[in-house]
Amino acid sequence: MLKMPSFNVQAMMKEDTESQKSVEPRPFRFGKAFHTDIYVSIEDDGDETEEGRTWAMEFHSKGALSINFVLE
């Protein structure tokens, strides 16, 4: 399981509230980004199925309402 680092949600919400009061308000923040560098080689173990091989990974972010991914 990959655990994402913790961060201060209340401080981020305060920043967002303050930025909306400025002369040129910023767009609403969608979430907190974390850069990860996860690489799985096709030679690594996986589970064999009738359709081929599959891999699974578990991610956890305590208190998160959702987790979104950008894949390259």
Protein backbone atom coordinates (compact mmCIF):
# COMPACT_ATOMS: atom_id res chain seq x y z
CA MET A 1 0.00 0.00 0.00
CA LEU A 2 1.27 3.47 -0.88
CA LYS A 3 0.34 6.04 1.78
CA MET A 4 0.25 9.64 0.63
CA PRO A 5 1.86 12.28 2.89
CA SER A 6 -0.34 14.21 5.30
CA PHE A 7 -0.93 17.94 4.96
CA ASN A 8 -2.82 20.72 6.73
CA VAL A 9 -6.27 20.90 5.13
CA GLN A 10 -7.38 23.77 7.37
CA ALA A 11 -4.40 25.91 6.28
CA MET A 12 -5.19 25.21 2.61
CA MET A 13 -8.84 26.16 3.13
CA LYS A 14 -7.76 29.41 4.82
CA GLU A 15 -5.45 30.19 1.86
CA ASP A 16 -8.33 29.55 -0.55
CA THR A 17 -10.67 31.84 1.40
CA GLU A 18 -8.06 34.63 1.42
CA SER A 19 -7.29 34.24 -2.30
CA GLN A 20 -11.00 34.69 -3.14
CA LYS A 21 -10.95 38.09 -1.39
CA SER A 22 -8.17 39.45 -3.62
CA VAL A 23 -8.79 41.82 -6.53
CA GLU A 24 -8.21 38.99 -9.00
CA PRO A 25 -9.58 35.84 -7.36
CA ARG A 26 -7.99 32.55 -8.35
CA PRO A 27 -9.93 29.52 -9.57
CA PHE A 28 -11.05 27.14 -6.85
CA ARG A 29 -8.44 24.56 -5.91
CA PHE A 30 -9.42 21.03 -6.91
CA GLY A 31 -7.17 19.15 -4.51
CA LYS A 32 -3.67 18.57 -3.22
CA ALA A 33 -1.20 17.17 -5.75
CA PHE A 34 1.52 14.71 -4.84
CA HIS A 35 4.17 13.67 -7.33
CA THR A 36 4.96 9.99 -7.25
CA ASP A 37 7.28 7.94 -9.39
CA ILE A 38 5.80 4.47 -9.53
CA TYR A 39 7.17 2.07 -12.08
CA VAL A 40 6.10 -1.53 -12.63
CA SER A 41 8.01 -3.61 -15.13
CA ILE A 42 6.06 -6.08 -17.25
CA GLU A 43 8.56 -8.67 -16.01
CA ASP A 44 7.41 -8.12 -12.41
CA ASP A 45 5.07 -10.66 -10.90
CA GLY A 46 1.41 -10.26 -11.61
CA ASP A 47 -1.65 -12.44 -11.41
CA GLU A 48 -2.30 -14.71 -14.36
CA THR A 49 -5.88 -14.64 -15.65
CA GLU A 50 -7.58 -16.11 -18.71
CA GLU A 51 -7.20 -12.71 -20.40
CA GLY A 52 -3.52 -12.27 -19.49
CA ARG A 53 -1.65 -10.87 -16.51
CA THR A 54 -2.96 -8.20 -14.09
CA TRP A 55 -1.31 -6.06 -11.43
CA ALA A 56 -2.91 -4.26 -8.49
CA MET A 57 -1.73 -1.51 -6.18
CA GLU A 58 -3.47 0.06 -3.20
CA PHE A 59 -3.33 3.78 -2.37
CA HIS A 60 -4.43 5.42 0.86
CA SER A 61 -4.85 9.08 1.79
CA LYS A 62 -6.29 9.48 5.29
CA GLY A 63 -9.31 11.79 5.29
CA ALA A 64 -9.42 12.11 1.50
CA LEU A 65 -12.86 12.33 -0.10
CA SER A 66 -11.49 11.06 -3.41
CA ILE A 67 -8.21 10.09 -5.03
CA ASN A 68 -7.50 10.99 -8.65
CA PHE A 69 -4.63 9.92 -10.89
CA VAL A 70 -2.79 11.38 -13.84
CA LEU A 71 -0.94 8.64 -15.70
CA GLU A 72 1.87 8.98 -18.20
